[in-house]
Amino acid sequence: MRHRDGEGTETARAAARRPLNLIGEFIGKKLVVLESSGAPLRGISGKIVDETKHTFLVETVRGEKRIPKIPCVFEIGGRKIAGEEIAFRAEDRPRKIGKKIRE
């Protein structure tokens, strides 16, 4: 659960916990494209079967779709995540996001 102050911004405590949610593995999780600059991508949903630095490969009811991370906003495993926050190779994510936490 994310706590917010009266003005709708995240509290420092909630913001500090957020990056830890991005370190884990995404393959096998459900993905929904919530926002995208390209209208055809909005609403695509399915299971993540592969991930590269810039894309997800998603198994949908109509076959596999390669979806760019940037400029999309996703719901992955029940969490809203901007593509810019996860534009790393899966094996680099723990190190790069961990570095942001320490800064």
Protein backbone atom coordinates (compact mmCIF):
# COMPACT_ATOMS: atom_id res chain seq x y z
CA MET A 1 0.00 0.00 0.00
CA ARG A 2 1.39 3.41 -0.95
CA HIS A 3 0.88 6.24 1.51
CA ARG A 4 0.34 9.77 0.25
CA ASP A 5 0.24 13.10 2.00
CA GLY A 6 -2.72 15.49 1.71
CA GLU A 7 -1.49 16.98 -1.58
CA GLY A 8 -1.29 13.66 -3.41
CA THR A 9 2.50 13.30 -3.53
CA GLU A 10 4.26 10.21 -2.23
CA THR A 11 5.70 10.43 1.24
CA ALA A 12 9.48 10.04 1.50
CA ARG A 13 9.02 6.68 3.20
CA ALA A 14 6.84 5.27 0.40
CA ALA A 15 9.13 6.68 -2.31
CA ALA A 16 12.16 5.07 -0.67
CA ARG A 17 10.51 1.63 -0.83
CA ARG A 18 9.37 1.92 -4.47
CA PRO A 19 12.68 1.08 -6.24
CA LEU A 20 12.96 -2.23 -4.39
CA ASN A 21 9.79 -3.36 -6.19
CA LEU A 22 11.55 -2.94 -9.55
CA ILE A 23 14.54 -5.19 -8.88
CA GLY A 24 12.82 -8.57 -9.25
CA GLU A 25 12.23 -10.74 -12.29
CA PHE A 26 9.41 -9.77 -14.67
CA ILE A 27 9.36 -12.88 -16.88
CA GLY A 28 6.22 -14.89 -16.17
CA LYS A 29 4.27 -11.94 -14.75
CA LYS A 30 1.13 -10.41 -16.22
CA LEU A 31 1.64 -7.11 -18.07
CA VAL A 32 -0.92 -4.51 -19.14
CA VAL A 33 0.03 -1.42 -21.18
CA LEU A 34 -1.72 1.45 -19.36
CA GLU A 35 -0.29 4.38 -21.32
CA SER A 36 1.66 4.75 -24.55
CA SER A 37 2.32 7.43 -27.13
CA GLY A 38 1.24 4.87 -29.72
CA ALA A 39 -2.51 4.21 -29.47
CA PRO A 40 -2.29 0.62 -30.82
CA LEU A 41 -0.19 -0.43 -27.79
CA ARG A 42 -2.63 0.78 -25.13
CA GLY A 43 -4.59 -2.03 -23.55
CA ILE A 44 -2.34 -4.87 -24.70
CA SER A 45 -2.09 -7.48 -21.99
CA GLY A 46 -0.51 -10.86 -21.54
CA LYS A 47 2.32 -12.79 -19.91
CA ILE A 48 5.92 -11.55 -20.22
CA VAL A 49 7.96 -14.28 -21.91
CA ASP A 50 11.20 -12.37 -22.60
CA GLU A 51 12.83 -9.04 -21.79
CA THR A 52 15.59 -6.97 -23.39
CA LYS A 53 17.02 -3.58 -22.42
CA HIS A 54 14.36 -1.74 -24.44
CA THR A 55 11.48 -4.20 -24.93
CA PHE A 56 9.20 -6.85 -23.47
CA LEU A 57 8.04 -9.87 -25.45
CA VAL A 58 4.47 -10.55 -24.33
CA GLU A 59 2.35 -13.61 -25.07
CA THR A 60 -1.17 -12.33 -25.81
CA VAL A 61 -4.33 -14.10 -26.99
CA ARG A 62 -3.39 -13.02 -30.55
CA GLY A 63 0.21 -14.24 -30.41
CA GLU A 64 3.47 -12.71 -29.25
CA LYS A 65 3.95 -8.93 -29.31
CA ARG A 66 7.19 -7.01 -28.79
CA ILE A 67 6.43 -3.87 -26.76
CA PRO A 68 8.92 -1.01 -26.23
CA LYS A 69 9.51 -0.02 -22.61
CA ILE A 70 9.84 3.66 -23.48
CA PRO A 71 7.39 5.55 -23.86
CA CYS A 72 4.97 3.18 -22.10
CA VAL A 73 3.56 2.89 -18.59
CA PHE A 74 2.78 -0.66 -17.50
CA GLU A 75 0.98 -2.55 -14.81
CA ILE A 76 3.20 -5.51 -13.94
CA GLY A 77 2.21 -7.85 -11.14
CA GLY A 78 -0.29 -5.30 -9.82
CA ARG A 79 2.22 -2.39 -9.77
CA LYS A 80 2.20 0.67 -12.03
CA ILE A 81 5.68 1.10 -13.55
CA ALA A 82 6.98 3.65 -16.07
CA GLY A 83 9.15 2.15 -18.82
CA GLU A 84 11.90 4.70 -18.12
CA GLU A 85 12.34 3.24 -14.63
CA ILE A 86 13.12 -0.23 -15.98
CA ALA A 87 14.97 0.47 -19.25
CA PHE A 88 17.85 -1.84 -18.28
CA ARG A 89 18.78 -5.39 -19.12
CA ALA A 90 17.19 -7.71 -16.57
CA GLU A 91 20.59 -8.76 -15.22
CA ASP A 92 21.67 -5.10 -14.72
CA ARG A 93 18.49 -3.97 -12.94
CA PRO A 94 19.47 -4.92 -9.35
CA ARG A 95 22.81 -3.11 -9.61
CA LYS A 96 21.47 0.05 -11.30
CA ILE A 97 18.34 0.42 -9.17
CA GLY A 98 20.32 -0.45 -6.04
CA LYS A 99 22.73 2.36 -6.91
CA LYS A 100 19.80 4.82 -7.13
CA ILE A 101 18.66 3.70 -3.66
CA ARG A 102 22.09 4.33 -2.15
CA GLU A 103 22.42 7.81 -3.65
